[in-house]
Amino acid sequence: MNDNGTRRVLIVEDDVMIRMLIEDMLADLGFAVAAQAAKVHDALAAAKTADIDVAILDVNLSGETTGPVAEALAERGTPFVFATGYGEHGLPERFRDRPLLKKPFQIESLKRMLDTALAN
């Protein structure tokens, strides 16, 4: 959390319009976007170093899986939520128990999944 108690989020999403929509939803929910990435390389760097409380990971970034990003977040003990239009079968086996946002999603679903991730 930052100084005013706002939770900081890493958004990993390769579609700029979806990323902007998630940003707006997070602002409406009282979260702050601490970092964002559209490529696995950038997401991995942010997952290892950014000052974040939770992350939202698109499962597939232009054909690359975000599995390594999930691994880095898990190593840091940072909770995360997967977002995908493909369903559970696209998730890395190790992380199938993590909260899953099915695209397209509404703000209520986003809040519920973030609350679930942060509670664990």
PDB file of N, CA and C in Angstrom:
ATOM      1  N   MET A   1       0.829  -1.181   0.000  1.00  0.00           N
ATOM      2  CA  MET A   1       0.000   0.000   0.000  1.00  0.00           C
ATOM      3  C   MET A   1       0.873   1.244   0.000  1.00  0.00           C
ATOM      4  N   ASN A   2       0.387   2.282  -0.654  1.00  0.00           N
ATOM      5  CA  ASN A   2       1.141   3.523  -0.611  1.00  0.00           C
ATOM      6  C   ASN A   2       0.776   4.285   0.658  1.00  0.00           C
ATOM      7  N   ASP A   3       1.294   5.481   0.827  1.00  0.00           N
ATOM      8  CA  ASP A   3       1.126   6.231   2.069  1.00  0.00           C
ATOM      9  C   ASP A   3      -0.324   6.525   2.433  1.00  0.00           C
ATOM     10  N   ASN A   4      -1.197   6.664   1.441  1.00  0.00           N
ATOM     11  CA  ASN A   4      -2.600   6.959   1.749  1.00  0.00           C
ATOM     12  C   ASN A   4      -3.470   5.707   1.805  1.00  0.00           C
ATOM     13  N   GLY A   5      -2.853   4.516   1.841  1.00  0.00           N
ATOM     14  CA  GLY A   5      -3.587   3.272   1.985  1.00  0.00           C
ATOM     15  C   GLY A   5      -4.140   2.696   0.699  1.00  0.00           C
ATOM     16  N   THR A   6      -3.759   3.265  -0.430  1.00  0.00           N
ATOM     17  CA  THR A   6      -4.242   2.785  -1.720  1.00  0.00           C
ATOM     18  C   THR A   6      -3.422   1.583  -2.167  1.00  0.00           C
ATOM     19  N   ARG A   7      -4.097   0.528  -2.590  1.00  0.00           N
ATOM     20  CA  ARG A   7      -3.411  -0.663  -3.101  1.00  0.00           C
ATOM     21  C   ARG A   7      -2.845  -0.371  -4.485  1.00  0.00           C
ATOM     22  N   ARG A   8      -1.617  -0.848  -4.719  1.00  0.00           N
ATOM     23  CA  ARG A   8      -0.924  -0.620  -5.998  1.00  0.00           C
ATOM     24  C   ARG A   8      -0.980  -1.878  -6.858  1.00  0.00           C
ATOM     25  N   VAL A   9      -1.289  -1.668  -8.144  1.00  0.00           N
ATOM     26  CA  VAL A   9      -1.530  -2.787  -9.051  1.00  0.00           C
ATOM     27  C   VAL A   9      -0.570  -2.748 -10.239  1.00  0.00           C
ATOM     28  N   LEU A  10      -0.108  -3.926 -10.625  1.00  0.00           N
ATOM     29  CA  LEU A  10       0.620  -4.122 -11.876  1.00  0.00           C
ATOM     30  C   LEU A  10      -0.371  -4.693 -12.877  1.00  0.00           C
ATOM     31  N   ILE A  11      -0.529  -4.027 -14.018  1.00  0.00           N
ATOM     32  CA  ILE A  11      -1.393  -4.527 -15.090  1.00  0.00           C
ATOM     33  C   ILE A  11      -0.503  -5.086 -16.196  1.00  0.00           C
ATOM     34  N   VAL A  12      -0.713  -6.350 -16.530  1.00  0.00           N
ATOM     35  CA  VAL A  12       0.011  -6.994 -17.621  1.00  0.00           C
ATOM     36  C   VAL A  12      -1.023  -7.368 -18.678  1.00  0.00           C
ATOM     37  N   GLU A  13      -1.060  -6.583 -19.747  1.00  0.00           N
ATOM     38  CA  GLU A  13      -2.082  -6.733 -20.790  1.00  0.00           C
ATOM     39  C   GLU A  13      -1.538  -6.155 -22.085  1.00  0.00           C
ATOM     40  N   ASP A  14      -1.625  -6.931 -23.182  1.00  0.00           N
ATOM     41  CA  ASP A  14      -1.058  -6.447 -24.442  1.00  0.00           C
ATOM     42  C   ASP A  14      -2.026  -5.633 -25.295  1.00  0.00           C
ATOM     43  N   ASP A  15      -3.306  -5.663 -24.982  1.00  0.00           N
ATOM     44  CA  ASP A  15      -4.285  -4.878 -25.731  1.00  0.00           C
ATOM     45  C   ASP A  15      -4.451  -3.519 -25.040  1.00  0.00           C
ATOM     46  N   VAL A  16      -4.046  -2.458 -25.722  1.00  0.00           N
ATOM     47  CA  VAL A  16      -4.047  -1.128 -25.111  1.00  0.00           C
ATOM     48  C   VAL A  16      -5.441  -0.688 -24.664  1.00  0.00           C
ATOM     49  N   MET A  17      -6.469  -1.027 -25.421  1.00  0.00           N
ATOM     50  CA  MET A  17      -7.826  -0.630 -25.043  1.00  0.00           C
ATOM     51  C   MET A  17      -8.277  -1.351 -23.770  1.00  0.00           C
ATOM     52  N   ILE A  18      -7.966  -2.626 -23.670  1.00  0.00           N
ATOM     53  CA  ILE A  18      -8.318  -3.379 -22.457  1.00  0.00           C
ATOM     54  C   ILE A  18      -7.527  -2.843 -21.273  1.00  0.00           C
ATOM     55  N   ARG A  19      -6.253  -2.542 -21.498  1.00  0.00           N
ATOM     56  CA  ARG A  19      -5.413  -1.989 -20.424  1.00  0.00           C
ATOM     57  C   ARG A  19      -6.003  -0.671 -19.908  1.00  0.00           C
ATOM     58  N   MET A  20      -6.451   0.181 -20.822  1.00  0.00           N
ATOM     59  CA  MET A  20      -7.038   1.457 -20.418  1.00  0.00           C
ATOM     60  C   MET A  20      -8.348   1.233 -19.660  1.00  0.00           C
ATOM     61  N   LEU A  21      -9.143   0.274 -20.093  1.00  0.00           N
ATOM     62  CA  LEU A  21     -10.391  -0.049 -19.412  1.00  0.00           C
ATOM     63  C   LEU A  21     -10.115  -0.548 -17.991  1.00  0.00           C
ATOM     64  N   ILE A  22      -9.128  -1.419 -17.845  1.00  0.00           N
ATOM     65  CA  ILE A  22      -8.763  -1.927 -16.519  1.00  0.00           C
ATOM     66  C   ILE A  22      -8.283  -0.773 -15.635  1.00  0.00           C
ATOM     67  N   GLU A  23      -7.470   0.113 -16.192  1.00  0.00           N
ATOM     68  CA  GLU A  23      -7.013   1.283 -15.435  1.00  0.00           C
ATOM     69  C   GLU A  23      -8.183   2.087 -14.898  1.00  0.00           C
ATOM     70  N   ASP A  24      -9.162   2.352 -15.758  1.00  0.00           N
ATOM     71  CA  ASP A  24     -10.345   3.110 -15.344  1.00  0.00           C
ATOM     72  C   ASP A  24     -11.114   2.384 -14.244  1.00  0.00           C
ATOM     73  N   MET A  25     -11.290   1.085 -14.412  1.00  0.00           N
ATOM     74  CA  MET A  25     -11.999   0.295 -13.401  1.00  0.00           C
ATOM     75  C   MET A  25     -11.264   0.344 -12.068  1.00  0.00           C
ATOM     76  N   LEU A  26      -9.941   0.187 -12.123  1.00  0.00           N
ATOM     77  CA  LEU A  26      -9.148   0.216 -10.893  1.00  0.00           C
ATOM     78  C   LEU A  26      -9.269   1.565 -10.195  1.00  0.00           C
ATOM     79  N   ALA A  27      -9.228   2.644 -10.955  1.00  0.00           N
ATOM     80  CA  ALA A  27      -9.368   3.985 -10.372  1.00  0.00           C
ATOM     81  C   ALA A  27     -10.735   4.099  -9.688  1.00  0.00           C
ATOM     82  N   ASP A  28     -11.783   3.603 -10.348  1.00  0.00           N
ATOM     83  CA  ASP A  28     -13.123   3.647  -9.764  1.00  0.00           C
ATOM     84  C   ASP A  28     -13.209   2.834  -8.476  1.00  0.00           C
ATOM     85  N   LEU A  29     -12.412   1.778  -8.378  1.00  0.00           N
ATOM     86  CA  LEU A  29     -12.402   0.919  -7.191  1.00  0.00           C
ATOM     87  C   LEU A  29     -11.442   1.419  -6.104  1.00  0.00           C
ATOM     88  N   GLY A  30     -10.711   2.491  -6.383  1.00  0.00           N
ATOM     89  CA  GLY A  30      -9.800   3.045  -5.389  1.00  0.00           C
ATOM     90  C   GLY A  30      -8.406   2.451  -5.386  1.00  0.00           C
ATOM     91  N   PHE A  31      -8.042   1.754  -6.462  1.00  0.00           N
ATOM     92  CA  PHE A  31      -6.699   1.204  -6.602  1.00  0.00           C
ATOM     93  C   PHE A  31      -5.842   2.170  -7.418  1.00  0.00           C
ATOM     94  N   ALA A  32      -4.535   2.056  -7.291  1.00  0.00           N
ATOM     95  CA  ALA A  32      -3.607   2.852  -8.092  1.00  0.00           C
ATOM     96  C   ALA A  32      -2.808   1.926  -9.003  1.00  0.00           C
ATOM     97  N   VAL A  33      -2.613   2.335 -10.248  1.00  0.00           N
ATOM     98  CA  VAL A  33      -1.789   1.559 -11.165  1.00  0.00           C
ATOM     99  C   VAL A  33      -0.331   1.941 -10.904  1.00  0.00           C
ATOM    100  N   ALA A  34       0.439   0.981 -10.412  1.00  0.00           N
ATOM    101  CA  ALA A  34       1.845   1.232 -10.087  1.00  0.00           C
ATOM    102  C   ALA A  34       2.740   0.990 -11.285  1.00  0.00           C
ATOM    103  N   ALA A  35       2.338   0.046 -12.139  1.00  0.00           N
ATOM    104  CA  ALA A  35       3.129  -0.295 -13.323  1.00  0.00           C
ATOM    105  C   ALA A  35       2.229  -1.041 -14.289  1.00  0.00           C
ATOM    106  N   GLN A  36       2.630  -1.015 -15.561  1.00  0.00           N
ATOM    107  CA  GLN A  36       1.911  -1.781 -16.575  1.00  0.00           C
ATOM    108  C   GLN A  36       2.892  -2.254 -17.624  1.00  0.00           C
ATOM    109  N   ALA A  37       2.528  -3.355 -18.259  1.00  0.00           N
ATOM    110  CA  ALA A  37       3.411  -3.941 -19.266  1.00  0.00           C
ATOM    111  C   ALA A  37       2.580  -4.635 -20.330  1.00  0.00           C
ATOM    112  N   ALA A  38       3.088  -4.597 -21.559  1.00  0.00           N
ATOM    113  CA  ALA A  38       2.426  -5.254 -22.679  1.00  0.00           C
ATOM    114  C   ALA A  38       3.248  -6.410 -23.228  1.00  0.00           C
ATOM    115  N   LYS A  39       4.480  -6.555 -22.737  1.00  0.00           N
ATOM    116  CA  LYS A  39       5.381  -7.614 -23.193  1.00  0.00           C
ATOM    117  C   LYS A  39       5.888  -8.391 -21.974  1.00  0.00           C
ATOM    118  N   VAL A  40       6.136  -9.683 -22.176  1.00  0.00           N
ATOM    119  CA  VAL A  40       6.579 -10.534 -21.072  1.00  0.00           C
ATOM    120  C   VAL A  40       7.866 -10.004 -20.446  1.00  0.00           C
ATOM    121  N   HIS A  41       8.822  -9.568 -21.273  1.00  0.00           N
ATOM    122  CA  HIS A  41      10.089  -9.046 -20.758  1.00  0.00           C
ATOM    123  C   HIS A  41       9.857  -7.891 -19.782  1.00  0.00           C
ATOM    124  N   ASP A  42       9.022  -6.929 -20.176  1.00  0.00           N
ATOM    125  CA  ASP A  42       8.739  -5.769 -19.323  1.00  0.00           C
ATOM    126  C   ASP A  42       7.942  -6.181 -18.081  1.00  0.00           C
ATOM    127  N   ALA A  43       7.013  -7.111 -18.264  1.00  0.00           N
ATOM    128  CA  ALA A  43       6.203  -7.582 -17.146  1.00  0.00           C
ATOM    129  C   ALA A  43       7.070  -8.294 -16.110  1.00  0.00           C
ATOM    130  N   LEU A  44       8.028  -9.069 -16.591  1.00  0.00           N
ATOM    131  CA  LEU A  44       8.936  -9.783 -15.698  1.00  0.00           C
ATOM    132  C   LEU A  44       9.776  -8.807 -14.881  1.00  0.00           C
ATOM    133  N   ALA A  45      10.277  -7.778 -15.533  1.00  0.00           N
ATOM    134  CA  ALA A  45      11.055  -6.757 -14.818  1.00  0.00           C
ATOM    135  C   ALA A  45      10.201  -6.084 -13.746  1.00  0.00           C
ATOM    136  N   ALA A  46       8.969  -5.726 -14.098  1.00  0.00           N
ATOM    137  CA  ALA A  46       8.078  -5.075 -13.135  1.00  0.00           C
ATOM    138  C   ALA A  46       7.713  -6.022 -11.993  1.00  0.00           C
ATOM    139  N   ALA A  47       7.468  -7.291 -12.321  1.00  0.00           N
ATOM    140  CA  ALA A  47       7.108  -8.279 -11.301  1.00  0.00           C
ATOM    141  C   ALA A  47       8.224  -8.459 -10.279  1.00  0.00           C
ATOM    142  N   LYS A  48       9.453  -8.294 -10.715  1.00  0.00           N
ATOM    143  CA  LYS A  48      10.604  -8.481  -9.827  1.00  0.00           C
ATOM    144  C   LYS A  48      10.946  -7.234  -9.025  1.00  0.00           C
ATOM    145  N   THR A  49      10.614  -6.041  -9.546  1.00  0.00           N
ATOM    146  CA  THR A  49      11.111  -4.827  -8.905  1.00  0.00           C
ATOM    147  C   THR A  49      10.062  -3.797  -8.515  1.00  0.00           C
ATOM    148  N   ALA A  50       8.901  -3.799  -9.141  1.00  0.00           N
ATOM    149  CA  ALA A  50       7.904  -2.749  -8.882  1.00  0.00           C
ATOM    150  C   ALA A  50       7.333  -2.873  -7.469  1.00  0.00           C
ATOM    151  N   ASP A  51       6.988  -1.750  -6.899  1.00  0.00           N
ATOM    152  CA  ASP A  51       6.381  -1.689  -5.578  1.00  0.00           C
ATOM    153  C   ASP A  51       4.875  -1.869  -5.763  1.00  0.00           C
ATOM    154  N   ILE A  52       4.415  -3.123  -5.681  1.00  0.00           N
ATOM    155  CA  ILE A  52       3.019  -3.445  -5.966  1.00  0.00           C
ATOM    156  C   ILE A  52       2.428  -4.314  -4.861  1.00  0.00           C
ATOM    157  N   ASP A  53       1.094  -4.284  -4.773  1.00  0.00           N
ATOM    158  CA  ASP A  53       0.367  -5.108  -3.806  1.00  0.00           C
ATOM    159  C   ASP A  53      -0.308  -6.307  -4.464  1.00  0.00           C
ATOM    160  N   VAL A  54      -0.634  -6.160  -5.753  1.00  0.00           N
ATOM    161  CA  VAL A  54      -1.345  -7.203  -6.489  1.00  0.00           C
ATOM    162  C   VAL A  54      -1.121  -6.982  -7.984  1.00  0.00           C
ATOM    163  N   ALA A  55      -1.275  -8.037  -8.775  1.00  0.00           N
ATOM    164  CA  ALA A  55      -1.099  -7.916 -10.222  1.00  0.00           C
ATOM    165  C   ALA A  55      -2.268  -8.564 -10.952  1.00  0.00           C
ATOM    166  N   ILE A  56      -2.546  -8.040 -12.142  1.00  0.00           N
ATOM    167  CA  ILE A  56      -3.527  -8.616 -13.048  1.00  0.00           C
ATOM    168  C   ILE A  56      -2.756  -9.053 -14.291  1.00  0.00           C
ATOM    169  N   LEU A  57      -2.762 -10.351 -14.563  1.00  0.00           N
ATOM    170  CA  LEU A  57      -1.975 -10.904 -15.661  1.00  0.00           C
ATOM    171  C   LEU A  57      -2.851 -11.450 -16.767  1.00  0.00           C
ATOM    172  N   ASP A  58      -2.735 -10.870 -17.952  1.00  0.00           N
ATOM    173  CA  ASP A  58      -3.313 -11.516 -19.129  1.00  0.00           C
ATOM    174  C   ASP A  58      -2.482 -12.781 -19.322  1.00  0.00           C
ATOM    175  N   VAL A  59      -3.110 -13.897 -19.584  1.00  0.00           N
ATOM    176  CA  VAL A  59      -2.394 -15.165 -19.698  1.00  0.00           C
ATOM    177  C   VAL A  59      -1.491 -15.200 -20.925  1.00  0.00           C
ATOM    178  N   ASN A  60      -1.943 -14.571 -22.013  1.00  0.00           N
ATOM    179  CA  ASN A  60      -1.234 -14.649 -23.281  1.00  0.00           C
ATOM    180  C   ASN A  60      -0.932 -13.248 -23.801  1.00  0.00           C
ATOM    181  N   LEU A  61       0.356 -12.940 -23.939  1.00  0.00           N
ATOM    182  CA  LEU A  61       0.783 -11.643 -24.481  1.00  0.00           C
ATOM    183  C   LEU A  61       1.380 -11.876 -25.862  1.00  0.00           C
ATOM    184  N   SER A  62       0.619 -11.607 -26.879  1.00  0.00           N
ATOM    185  CA  SER A  62       1.083 -11.771 -28.266  1.00  0.00           C
ATOM    186  C   SER A  62       1.742 -13.129 -28.499  1.00  0.00           C
ATOM    187  N   GLY A  63       1.123 -14.185 -27.995  1.00  0.00           N
ATOM    188  CA  GLY A  63       1.636 -15.530 -28.206  1.00  0.00           C
ATOM    189  C   GLY A  63       2.589 -16.037 -27.139  1.00  0.00           C
ATOM    190  N   GLU A  64       2.985 -15.183 -26.214  1.00  0.00           N
ATOM    191  CA  GLU A  64       3.875 -15.601 -25.117  1.00  0.00           C
ATOM    192  C   GLU A  64       3.067 -15.739 -23.835  1.00  0.00           C
ATOM    193  N   THR A  65       3.316 -16.794 -23.085  1.00  0.00           N
ATOM    194  CA  THR A  65       2.622 -17.000 -21.821  1.00  0.00           C
ATOM    195  C   THR A  65       3.227 -16.130 -20.715  1.00  0.00           C
ATOM    196  N   THR A  66       2.387 -15.733 -19.775  1.00  0.00           N
ATOM    197  CA  THR A  66       2.881 -14.935 -18.647  1.00  0.00           C
ATOM    198  C   THR A  66       3.259 -15.825 -17.460  1.00  0.00           C
ATOM    199  N   GLY A  67       3.418 -17.121 -17.717  1.00  0.00           N
ATOM    200  CA  GLY A  67       3.846 -18.040 -16.664  1.00  0.00           C
ATOM    201  C   GLY A  67       5.082 -17.581 -15.906  1.00  0.00           C
ATOM    202  N   PRO A  68       6.153 -17.129 -16.606  1.00  0.00           N
ATOM    203  CA  PRO A  68       7.336 -16.658 -15.890  1.00  0.00           C
ATOM    204  C   PRO A  68       7.053 -15.443 -14.990  1.00  0.00           C
ATOM    205  N   VAL A  69       6.108 -14.614 -15.389  1.00  0.00           N
ATOM    206  CA  VAL A  69       5.725 -13.449 -14.580  1.00  0.00           C
ATOM    207  C   VAL A  69       5.020 -13.933 -13.309  1.00  0.00           C
ATOM    208  N   ALA A  70       4.132 -14.910 -13.467  1.00  0.00           N
ATOM    209  CA  ALA A  70       3.441 -15.497 -12.317  1.00  0.00           C
ATOM    210  C   ALA A  70       4.452 -16.120 -11.354  1.00  0.00           C
ATOM    211  N   GLU A  71       5.452 -16.805 -11.901  1.00  0.00           N
ATOM    212  CA  GLU A  71       6.506 -17.408 -11.060  1.00  0.00           C
ATOM    213  C   GLU A  71       7.243 -16.338 -10.250  1.00  0.00           C
ATOM    214  N   ALA A  72       7.603 -15.240 -10.919  1.00  0.00           N
ATOM    215  CA  ALA A  72       8.329 -14.158 -10.235  1.00  0.00           C
ATOM    216  C   ALA A  72       7.474 -13.535  -9.134  1.00  0.00           C
ATOM    217  N   LEU A  73       6.193 -13.333  -9.411  1.00  0.00           N
ATOM    218  CA  LEU A  73       5.295 -12.773  -8.394  1.00  0.00           C
ATOM    219  C   LEU A  73       5.141 -13.729  -7.220  1.00  0.00           C
ATOM    220  N   ALA A  74       4.991 -15.021  -7.513  1.00  0.00           N
ATOM    221  CA  ALA A  74       4.846 -16.019  -6.456  1.00  0.00           C
ATOM    222  C   ALA A  74       6.092 -16.052  -5.573  1.00  0.00           C
ATOM    223  N   GLU A  75       7.275 -15.932  -6.178  1.00  0.00           N
ATOM    224  CA  GLU A  75       8.522 -15.920  -5.409  1.00  0.00           C
ATOM    225  C   GLU A  75       8.571 -14.744  -4.444  1.00  0.00           C
ATOM    226  N   ARG A  76       7.997 -13.608  -4.858  1.00  0.00           N
ATOM    227  CA  ARG A  76       7.961 -12.417  -4.000  1.00  0.00           C
ATOM    228  C   ARG A  76       6.810 -12.446  -3.005  1.00  0.00           C
ATOM    229  N   GLY A  77       5.902 -13.407  -3.169  1.00  0.00           N
ATOM    230  CA  GLY A  77       4.732 -13.463  -2.304  1.00  0.00           C
ATOM    231  C   GLY A  77       3.674 -12.431  -2.670  1.00  0.00           C
ATOM    232  N   THR A  78       3.717 -11.961  -3.910  1.00  0.00           N
ATOM    233  CA  THR A  78       2.758 -10.961  -4.382  1.00  0.00           C
ATOM    234  C   THR A  78       1.557 -11.660  -5.002  1.00  0.00           C
ATOM    235  N   PRO A  79       0.357 -11.372  -4.503  1.00  0.00           N
ATOM    236  CA  PRO A  79      -0.829 -12.014  -5.077  1.00  0.00           C
ATOM    237  C   PRO A  79      -1.105 -11.522  -6.492  1.00  0.00           C
ATOM    238  N   PHE A  80      -1.771 -12.372  -7.273  1.00  0.00           N
ATOM    239  CA  PHE A  80      -2.119 -11.969  -8.636  1.00  0.00           C
ATOM    240  C   PHE A  80      -3.383 -12.675  -9.092  1.00  0.00           C
ATOM    241  N   VAL A  81      -3.976 -12.091 -10.122  1.00  0.00           N
ATOM    242  CA  VAL A  81      -5.186 -12.590 -10.751  1.00  0.00           C
ATOM    243  C   VAL A  81      -4.874 -12.793 -12.225  1.00  0.00           C
ATOM    244  N   PHE A  82      -5.316 -13.890 -12.795  1.00  0.00           N
ATOM    245  CA  PHE A  82      -5.196 -14.077 -14.238  1.00  0.00           C
ATOM    246  C   PHE A  82      -6.427 -13.505 -14.920  1.00  0.00           C
ATOM    247  N   ALA A  83      -6.235 -12.951 -16.106  1.00  0.00           N
ATOM    248  CA  ALA A  83      -7.341 -12.486 -16.945  1.00  0.00           C
ATOM    249  C   ALA A  83      -7.172 -13.150 -18.311  1.00  0.00           C
ATOM    250  N   THR A  84      -8.223 -13.793 -18.778  1.00  0.00           N
ATOM    251  CA  THR A  84      -8.116 -14.491 -20.059  1.00  0.00           C
ATOM    252  C   THR A  84      -9.487 -14.693 -20.689  1.00  0.00           C
ATOM    253  N   GLY A  85      -9.479 -14.772 -21.981  1.00  0.00           N
ATOM    254  CA  GLY A  85     -10.679 -15.121 -22.713  1.00  0.00           C
ATOM    255  C   GLY A  85     -10.691 -16.593 -23.076  1.00  0.00           C
ATOM    256  N   TYR A  86      -9.647 -17.323 -22.687  1.00  0.00           N
ATOM    257  CA  TYR A  86      -9.484 -18.722 -23.077  1.00  0.00           C
ATOM    258  C   TYR A  86      -9.949 -19.719 -22.031  1.00  0.00           C
ATOM    259  N   GLY A  87     -10.253 -19.285 -20.839  1.00  0.00           N
ATOM    260  CA  GLY A  87     -10.662 -20.203 -19.782  1.00  0.00           C
ATOM    261  C   GLY A  87      -9.466 -20.799 -19.054  1.00  0.00           C
ATOM    262  N   GLU A  88      -9.757 -21.703 -18.141  1.00  0.00           N
ATOM    263  CA  GLU A  88      -8.729 -22.280 -17.267  1.00  0.00           C
ATOM    264  C   GLU A  88      -7.654 -23.073 -17.982  1.00  0.00           C
ATOM    265  N   HIS A  89      -7.975 -23.701 -19.113  1.00  0.00           N
ATOM    266  CA  HIS A  89      -7.000 -24.585 -19.759  1.00  0.00           C
ATOM    267  C   HIS A  89      -5.750 -23.842 -20.222  1.00  0.00           C
ATOM    268  N   GLY A  90      -5.795 -22.528 -20.345  1.00  0.00           N
ATOM    269  CA  GLY A  90      -4.622 -21.763 -20.752  1.00  0.00           C
ATOM    270  C   GLY A  90      -3.705 -21.395 -19.604  1.00  0.00           C
ATOM    271  N   LEU A  91      -4.137 -21.655 -18.374  1.00  0.00           N
ATOM    272  CA  LEU A  91      -3.340 -21.281 -17.210  1.00  0.00           C
ATOM    273  C   LEU A  91      -2.201 -22.263 -16.979  1.00  0.00           C
ATOM    274  N   PRO A  92      -1.072 -21.745 -16.478  1.00  0.00           N
ATOM    275  CA  PRO A  92       0.002 -22.659 -16.081  1.00  0.00           C
ATOM    276  C   PRO A  92      -0.517 -23.620 -15.000  1.00  0.00           C
ATOM    277  N   GLU A  93      -0.193 -24.889 -15.107  1.00  0.00           N
ATOM    278  CA  GLU A  93      -0.689 -25.926 -14.195  1.00  0.00           C
ATOM    279  C   GLU A  93      -0.529 -25.528 -12.721  1.00  0.00           C
ATOM    280  N   ARG A  94       0.624 -25.007 -12.379  1.00  0.00           N
ATOM    281  CA  ARG A  94       0.935 -24.676 -10.986  1.00  0.00           C
ATOM    282  C   ARG A  94       0.001 -23.610 -10.414  1.00  0.00           C
ATOM    283  N   PHE A  95      -0.572 -22.786 -11.283  1.00  0.00           N
ATOM    284  CA  PHE A  95      -1.351 -21.649 -10.814  1.00  0.00           C
ATOM    285  C   PHE A  95      -2.845 -21.757 -11.106  1.00  0.00           C
ATOM    286  N   ARG A  96      -3.322 -22.955 -11.330  1.00  0.00           N
ATOM    287  CA  ARG A  96      -4.746 -23.112 -11.659  1.00  0.00           C
ATOM    288  C   ARG A  96      -5.659 -22.806 -10.472  1.00  0.00           C
ATOM    289  N   ASP A  97      -5.090 -22.685  -9.285  1.00  0.00           N
ATOM    290  CA  ASP A  97      -5.894 -22.356  -8.108  1.00  0.00           C
ATOM    291  C   ASP A  97      -6.020 -20.840  -7.905  1.00  0.00           C
ATOM    292  N   ARG A  98      -5.355 -20.059  -8.727  1.00  0.00           N
ATOM    293  CA  ARG A  98      -5.398 -18.599  -8.588  1.00  0.00           C
ATOM    294  C   ARG A  98      -6.703 -18.041  -9.132  1.00  0.00           C
ATOM    295  N   PRO A  99      -7.101 -16.857  -8.632  1.00  0.00           N
ATOM    296  CA  PRO A  99      -8.329 -16.232  -9.149  1.00  0.00           C
ATOM    297  C   PRO A  99      -8.226 -15.994 -10.655  1.00  0.00           C
ATOM    298  N   LEU A 100      -9.352 -16.214 -11.335  1.00  0.00           N
ATOM    299  CA  LEU A 100      -9.391 -16.097 -12.791  1.00  0.00           C
ATOM    300  C   LEU A 100     -10.523 -15.172 -13.214  1.00  0.00           C
ATOM    301  N   LEU A 101     -10.158 -14.119 -13.924  1.00  0.00           N
ATOM    302  CA  LEU A 101     -11.122 -13.198 -14.512  1.00  0.00           C
ATOM    303  C   LEU A 101     -11.362 -13.638 -15.943  1.00  0.00           C
ATOM    304  N   LYS A 102     -12.586 -13.937 -16.285  1.00  0.00           N
ATOM    305  CA  LYS A 102     -12.893 -14.334 -17.658  1.00  0.00           C
ATOM    306  C   LYS A 102     -13.262 -13.093 -18.460  1.00  0.00           C
ATOM    307  N   LYS A 103     -12.503 -12.859 -19.537  1.00  0.00           N
ATOM    308  CA  LYS A 103     -12.773 -11.717 -20.406  1.00  0.00           C
ATOM    309  C   LYS A 103     -13.974 -12.010 -21.291  1.00  0.00           C
ATOM    310  N   PRO A 104     -14.793 -11.046 -21.580  1.00  0.00           N
ATOM    311  CA  PRO A 104     -14.801  -9.702 -21.003  1.00  0.00           C
ATOM    312  C   PRO A 104     -15.363  -9.748 -19.584  1.00  0.00           C
ATOM    313  N   PHE A 105     -14.919  -8.844 -18.737  1.00  0.00           N
ATOM    314  CA  PHE A 105     -15.397  -8.827 -17.356  1.00  0.00           C
ATOM    315  C   PHE A 105     -15.905  -7.436 -16.989  1.00  0.00           C
ATOM    316  N   GLN A 106     -16.714  -7.415 -15.953  1.00  0.00           N
ATOM    317  CA  GLN A 106     -17.285  -6.178 -15.434  1.00  0.00           C
ATOM    318  C   GLN A 106     -16.523  -5.760 -14.188  1.00  0.00           C
ATOM    319  N   ILE A 107     -16.739  -4.535 -13.763  1.00  0.00           N
ATOM    320  CA  ILE A 107     -16.028  -3.990 -12.610  1.00  0.00           C
ATOM    321  C   ILE A 107     -16.295  -4.809 -11.337  1.00  0.00           C
ATOM    322  N   GLU A 108     -17.507  -5.345 -11.193  1.00  0.00           N
ATOM    323  CA  GLU A 108     -17.838  -6.146 -10.005  1.00  0.00           C
ATOM    324  C   GLU A 108     -16.981  -7.412  -9.949  1.00  0.00           C
ATOM    325  N   SER A 109     -16.776  -8.044 -11.095  1.00  0.00           N
ATOM    326  CA  SER A 109     -15.934  -9.249 -11.149  1.00  0.00           C
ATOM    327  C   SER A 109     -14.495  -8.912 -10.823  1.00  0.00           C
ATOM    328  N   LEU A 110     -14.013  -7.792 -11.343  1.00  0.00           N
ATOM    329  CA  LEU A 110     -12.650  -7.361 -11.063  1.00  0.00           C
ATOM    330  C   LEU A 110     -12.470  -7.137  -9.564  1.00  0.00           C
ATOM    331  N   LYS A 111     -13.390  -6.443  -8.940  1.00  0.00           N
ATOM    332  CA  LYS A 111     -13.298  -6.181  -7.504  1.00  0.00           C
ATOM    333  C   LYS A 111     -13.296  -7.491  -6.716  1.00  0.00           C
ATOM    334  N   ARG A 112     -14.198  -8.395  -7.058  1.00  0.00           N
ATOM    335  CA  ARG A 112     -14.293  -9.678  -6.363  1.00  0.00           C
ATOM    336  C   ARG A 112     -12.985 -10.476  -6.471  1.00  0.00           C
ATOM    337  N   MET A 113     -12.403 -10.519  -7.682  1.00  0.00           N
ATOM    338  CA  MET A 113     -11.160 -11.273  -7.880  1.00  0.00           C
ATOM    339  C   MET A 113      -9.981 -10.629  -7.153  1.00  0.00           C
ATOM    340  N   LEU A 114      -9.912  -9.295  -7.176  1.00  0.00           N
ATOM    341  CA  LEU A 114      -8.835  -8.607  -6.448  1.00  0.00           C
ATOM    342  C   LEU A 114      -8.979  -8.827  -4.943  1.00  0.00           C
ATOM    343  N   ASP A 115     -10.206  -8.739  -4.435  1.00  0.00           N
ATOM    344  CA  ASP A 115     -10.429  -8.991  -3.012  1.00  0.00           C
ATOM    345  C   ASP A 115     -10.021 -10.408  -2.641  1.00  0.00           C
ATOM    346  N   THR A 116     -10.351 -11.382  -3.505  1.00  0.00           N
ATOM    347  CA  THR A 116      -9.976 -12.778  -3.272  1.00  0.00           C
ATOM    348  C   THR A 116      -8.461 -12.935  -3.246  1.00  0.00           C
ATOM    349  N   ALA A 117      -7.788 -12.340  -4.227  1.00  0.00           N
ATOM    350  CA  ALA A 117      -6.324 -12.451  -4.308  1.00  0.00           C
ATOM    351  C   ALA A 117      -5.661 -11.822  -3.088  1.00  0.00           C
ATOM    352  N   LEU A 118      -6.153 -10.670  -2.670  1.00  0.00           N
ATOM    353  CA  LEU A 118      -5.534  -9.951  -1.556  1.00  0.00           C
ATOM    354  C   LEU A 118      -5.836 -10.607  -0.214  1.00  0.00           C
ATOM    355  N   ALA A 119      -6.892 -11.384  -0.139  1.00  0.00           N
ATOM    356  CA  ALA A 119      -7.269 -12.053   1.121  1.00  0.00           C
ATOM    357  C   ALA A 119      -6.416 -13.282   1.397  1.00  0.00           C
ATOM    358  N   ASN A 120      -5.781 -13.838   0.344  1.00  0.00           N
ATOM    359  CA  ASN A 120      -4.997 -15.076   0.518  1.00  0.00           C
ATOM    360  C   ASN A 120      -3.576 -14.810   0.942  1.00  0.00           C
TER     361      ASN A 120
END
